[in-house]
Amino acid sequence: MFQRNRPALGSILFMMIMIMMGLYFTFAAIQGDYGVFRRAEVNAERKDLKIELATLQAQVTELENLTRRLSDDYLDLDLLDQQARDVLGMVRTDEIVIR
């Protein structure tokens, strides 16, 4: 006599599976290996590495300059004197050393 219009069990099950899959893919898009949070971590790491690269390039440039200034082609006597004092502990005869 009375016929109920309720959805079939298959339809409810199908909708639950679709909702669960949607939640899983949303979670993976945010938290996964290639998700939003991982991308932010990679961008921050890239920024830090660029700063470190710039620092290392500046150090290399400075060392190249010092090496060139002590080479056979171009000899900076002041730098040579400073290196002899620092590395070898040399002093001139007319100097007094105070420790």
Protein backbone atom coordinates (compact mmCIF):
# COMPACT_ATOMS: atom_id res chain seq x y z
CA MET A 1 0.00 0.00 0.00
CA PHE A 2 2.48 2.64 1.14
CA GLN A 3 5.60 2.69 -0.86
CA ARG A 4 8.55 4.45 0.69
CA ASN A 5 10.82 6.47 -1.50
CA ARG A 6 14.11 5.81 0.20
CA PRO A 7 17.38 5.48 -1.66
CA ALA A 8 18.70 2.05 -2.30
CA LEU A 9 21.53 0.69 -0.21
CA GLY A 10 23.82 0.67 -3.27
CA SER A 11 23.35 4.41 -3.81
CA ILE A 12 24.19 5.18 -0.18
CA LEU A 13 27.26 2.95 -0.34
CA PHE A 14 28.37 4.58 -3.61
CA MET A 15 28.03 8.08 -2.10
CA MET A 16 29.99 7.08 1.01
CA ILE A 17 32.82 5.67 -1.12
CA MET A 18 32.91 8.85 -3.23
CA ILE A 19 33.01 11.05 -0.12
CA MET A 20 35.82 8.94 1.39
CA MET A 21 37.82 9.11 -1.85
CA GLY A 22 37.31 12.87 -2.00
CA LEU A 23 38.55 13.25 1.56
CA TYR A 24 41.57 11.03 0.85
CA PHE A 25 42.61 12.98 -2.24
CA THR A 26 42.08 16.29 -0.44
CA PHE A 27 44.29 15.10 2.40
CA ALA A 28 46.94 13.86 -0.07
CA ALA A 29 46.88 17.20 -1.93
CA ILE A 30 47.58 19.08 1.29
CA GLN A 31 49.72 16.73 3.40
CA GLY A 32 51.19 14.30 0.85
CA ASP A 33 54.71 14.03 -0.56
CA TYR A 34 53.81 16.50 -3.32
CA GLY A 35 51.25 18.48 -1.33
CA VAL A 36 50.94 22.13 -0.43
CA PHE A 37 52.85 21.87 2.85
CA ARG A 38 55.75 19.98 1.24
CA ARG A 39 55.95 22.61 -1.49
CA ALA A 40 56.23 25.35 1.15
CA GLU A 41 59.04 23.40 2.86
CA VAL A 42 60.88 23.00 -0.45
CA ASN A 43 60.53 26.72 -1.22
CA ALA A 44 61.90 27.67 2.21
CA GLU A 45 64.80 25.24 1.80
CA ARG A 46 65.53 26.65 -1.66
CA LYS A 47 65.65 30.17 -0.21
CA ASP A 48 68.09 29.06 2.52
CA LEU A 49 70.28 27.26 -0.03
CA LYS A 50 70.39 30.34 -2.27
CA ILE A 51 71.61 32.42 0.68
CA GLU A 52 74.24 29.78 1.50
CA LEU A 53 75.32 29.69 -2.15
CA ALA A 54 75.76 33.47 -2.22
CA THR A 55 77.86 33.31 0.95
CA LEU A 56 80.06 30.55 -0.44
CA GLN A 57 80.49 32.39 -3.75
CA ALA A 58 81.62 35.49 -1.85
CA GLN A 59 84.16 33.39 0.10
CA VAL A 60 85.45 31.81 -3.12
CA THR A 61 85.81 35.24 -4.71
CA GLU A 62 87.76 36.49 -1.69
CA LEU A 63 90.07 33.47 -1.72
CA GLU A 64 90.63 33.82 -5.47
CA ASN A 65 91.61 37.45 -4.90
CA LEU A 66 94.07 36.52 -2.14
CA THR A 67 95.52 33.73 -4.27
CA ARG A 68 95.96 36.06 -7.24
CA ARG A 69 97.62 38.67 -5.04
CA LEU A 70 100.22 36.10 -3.89
CA SER A 71 100.83 34.60 -7.33
CA ASP A 72 104.04 34.87 -9.33
CA ASP A 73 102.45 37.22 -11.86
CA TYR A 74 101.24 39.74 -9.30
CA LEU A 75 102.78 39.93 -5.84
CA ASP A 76 101.25 42.16 -3.17
CA LEU A 77 104.06 42.83 -0.70
CA ASP A 78 101.73 44.05 2.04
CA LEU A 79 99.70 40.85 1.87
CA LEU A 80 102.89 38.78 1.82
CA ASP A 81 104.13 40.62 4.92
CA GLN A 82 100.79 40.08 6.69
CA GLN A 83 100.78 36.36 5.84
CA ALA A 84 104.37 35.94 7.04
CA ARG A 85 103.48 37.60 10.33
CA ASP A 86 100.27 35.59 10.83
CA VAL A 87 101.39 32.16 9.68
CA LEU A 88 105.08 32.14 10.56
CA GLY A 89 104.99 34.53 13.50
CA MET A 90 107.73 36.69 11.98
CA VAL A 91 108.53 40.23 13.16
CA ARG A 92 110.96 42.82 11.93
CA THR A 93 114.08 43.63 13.90
CA ASP A 94 112.93 47.14 14.74
CA GLU A 95 109.59 46.01 16.23
CA ILE A 96 108.73 45.22 19.85
CA VAL A 97 106.30 42.38 20.52
CA ILE A 98 103.94 42.77 23.47
CA ARG A 99 101.94 39.76 24.60
